[in-house]
Amino acid sequence: MSAHERLSDAVFEAVAAREGVDPTDLPEPVFPQIDPDALDNLFRRGTGRVAFRYLDYEVTVSSSGDVSIETLGDR
């Protein structure tokens, strides 16, 4: 993730890549699971990580900008 990229955009792009689609073609809006603006602002002054479910994945985002996606059935 570049320094100017929004963290929420990195999440959308990572999930879309996993699904094999363009981010605008994701089948379900992410808003019920996470507010993109809140995610972008979450780590501005701190460190940590947050995890949430989206589609059939558990998405974990860290303050360093790393996005991890695990298929829920793979656990």
C-alpha atoms as a PDB file:
ATOM      1  CA  MET A   1       0.000   0.000   0.000  1.00  0.00           C
ATOM      2  CA  SER A   2       1.377   3.428  -0.908  1.00  0.00           C
ATOM      3  CA  ALA A   3       1.505   6.247   1.610  1.00  0.00           C
ATOM      4  CA  HIS A   4      -1.265   8.110  -0.266  1.00  0.00           C
ATOM      5  CA  GLU A   5      -3.614   5.178  -0.743  1.00  0.00           C
ATOM      6  CA  ARG A   6      -6.612   4.938   1.534  1.00  0.00           C
ATOM      7  CA  LEU A   7      -6.593   1.871   3.759  1.00  0.00           C
ATOM      8  CA  SER A   8     -10.190   1.128   2.790  1.00  0.00           C
ATOM      9  CA  ASP A   9      -9.205   1.140  -0.905  1.00  0.00           C
ATOM     10  CA  ALA A  10      -6.460  -1.390  -0.155  1.00  0.00           C
ATOM     11  CA  VAL A  11      -9.079  -3.625   1.494  1.00  0.00           C
ATOM     12  CA  PHE A  12     -11.448  -3.356  -1.486  1.00  0.00           C
ATOM     13  CA  GLU A  13      -8.624  -4.103  -3.914  1.00  0.00           C
ATOM     14  CA  ALA A  14      -7.394  -7.100  -1.912  1.00  0.00           C
ATOM     15  CA  VAL A  15     -10.862  -8.647  -1.647  1.00  0.00           C
ATOM     16  CA  ALA A  16     -11.571  -7.956  -5.326  1.00  0.00           C
ATOM     17  CA  ALA A  17      -8.277  -9.609  -6.297  1.00  0.00           C
ATOM     18  CA  ARG A  18      -9.211 -12.644  -4.212  1.00  0.00           C
ATOM     19  CA  GLU A  19     -12.624 -12.749  -5.921  1.00  0.00           C
ATOM     20  CA  GLY A  20     -11.087 -12.155  -9.363  1.00  0.00           C
ATOM     21  CA  VAL A  21     -13.185  -9.058 -10.058  1.00  0.00           C
ATOM     22  CA  ASP A  22     -12.776  -5.287 -10.272  1.00  0.00           C
ATOM     23  CA  PRO A  23     -13.374  -3.564  -6.897  1.00  0.00           C
ATOM     24  CA  THR A  24     -16.456  -1.848  -8.346  1.00  0.00           C
ATOM     25  CA  ASP A  25     -17.895  -5.275  -9.175  1.00  0.00           C
ATOM     26  CA  LEU A  26     -17.807  -6.725  -5.659  1.00  0.00           C
ATOM     27  CA  PRO A  27     -21.129  -8.512  -5.115  1.00  0.00           C
ATOM     28  CA  GLU A  28     -21.977  -6.998  -1.743  1.00  0.00           C
ATOM     29  CA  PRO A  29     -21.382  -3.536  -0.290  1.00  0.00           C
ATOM     30  CA  VAL A  30     -18.828  -3.441   2.506  1.00  0.00           C
ATOM     31  CA  PHE A  31     -20.671  -0.709   4.454  1.00  0.00           C
ATOM     32  CA  PRO A  32     -22.741  -2.997   6.703  1.00  0.00           C
ATOM     33  CA  GLN A  33     -19.504  -4.600   7.907  1.00  0.00           C
ATOM     34  CA  ILE A  34     -17.181  -1.588   8.153  1.00  0.00           C
ATOM     35  CA  ASP A  35     -17.330   2.145   7.510  1.00  0.00           C
ATOM     36  CA  PRO A  36     -14.509   2.949   5.025  1.00  0.00           C
ATOM     37  CA  ASP A  37     -13.964   6.458   6.426  1.00  0.00           C
ATOM     38  CA  ALA A  38     -13.748   5.105   9.971  1.00  0.00           C
ATOM     39  CA  LEU A  39     -11.233   2.483   8.802  1.00  0.00           C
ATOM     40  CA  ASP A  40      -9.135   5.167   7.097  1.00  0.00           C
ATOM     41  CA  ASN A  41      -9.125   7.251  10.294  1.00  0.00           C
ATOM     42  CA  LEU A  42      -8.679   4.388  12.755  1.00  0.00           C
ATOM     43  CA  PHE A  43      -4.891   4.257  12.756  1.00  0.00           C
ATOM     44  CA  ARG A  44      -4.048   7.918  12.179  1.00  0.00           C
ATOM     45  CA  ARG A  45      -2.859   8.301  15.771  1.00  0.00           C
ATOM     46  CA  GLY A  46      -2.260   4.777  16.917  1.00  0.00           C
ATOM     47  CA  THR A  47      -1.273   1.259  16.095  1.00  0.00           C
ATOM     48  CA  GLY A  48      -3.061  -2.029  16.137  1.00  0.00           C
ATOM     49  CA  ARG A  49      -5.261  -4.112  13.914  1.00  0.00           C
ATOM     50  CA  VAL A  50      -8.907  -4.699  13.187  1.00  0.00           C
ATOM     51  CA  ALA A  51     -10.650  -7.757  11.759  1.00  0.00           C
ATOM     52  CA  PHE A  52     -14.087  -8.099  10.203  1.00  0.00           C
ATOM     53  CA  ARG A  53     -16.041 -10.490   8.016  1.00  0.00           C
ATOM     54  CA  TYR A  54     -16.816  -9.648   4.428  1.00  0.00           C
ATOM     55  CA  LEU A  55     -18.349 -12.115   1.981  1.00  0.00           C
ATOM     56  CA  ASP A  56     -16.746 -15.482   2.847  1.00  0.00           C
ATOM     57  CA  TYR A  57     -13.574 -13.908   4.253  1.00  0.00           C
ATOM     58  CA  GLU A  58     -12.110 -12.629   7.468  1.00  0.00           C
ATOM     59  CA  VAL A  59     -10.251  -9.454   6.602  1.00  0.00           C
ATOM     60  CA  THR A  60      -7.558  -8.258   9.005  1.00  0.00           C
ATOM     61  CA  VAL A  61      -6.078  -4.798   8.562  1.00  0.00           C
ATOM     62  CA  SER A  62      -3.087  -3.556  10.529  1.00  0.00           C
ATOM     63  CA  SER A  63      -1.909  -0.043  11.227  1.00  0.00           C
ATOM     64  CA  SER A  64       1.123  -0.735   9.013  1.00  0.00           C
ATOM     65  CA  GLY A  65      -1.247  -1.045   6.042  1.00  0.00           C
ATOM     66  CA  ASP A  66      -1.034  -4.823   5.731  1.00  0.00           C
ATOM     67  CA  VAL A  67      -4.259  -6.491   4.613  1.00  0.00           C
ATOM     68  CA  SER A  68      -4.706 -10.199   5.279  1.00  0.00           C
ATOM     69  CA  ILE A  69      -7.617 -12.161   3.838  1.00  0.00           C
ATOM     70  CA  GLU A  70      -8.533 -15.654   5.011  1.00  0.00           C
ATOM     71  CA  THR A  71     -11.360 -17.726   3.641  1.00  0.00           C
ATOM     72  CA  LEU A  72     -13.654 -18.489   6.578  1.00  0.00           C
ATOM     73  CA  GLY A  73     -13.926 -22.161   5.612  1.00  0.00           C
ATOM     74  CA  ASP A  74     -10.121 -22.583   5.689  1.00  0.00           C
ATOM     75  CA  ARG A  75      -9.858 -22.305   9.465  1.00  0.00           C
END
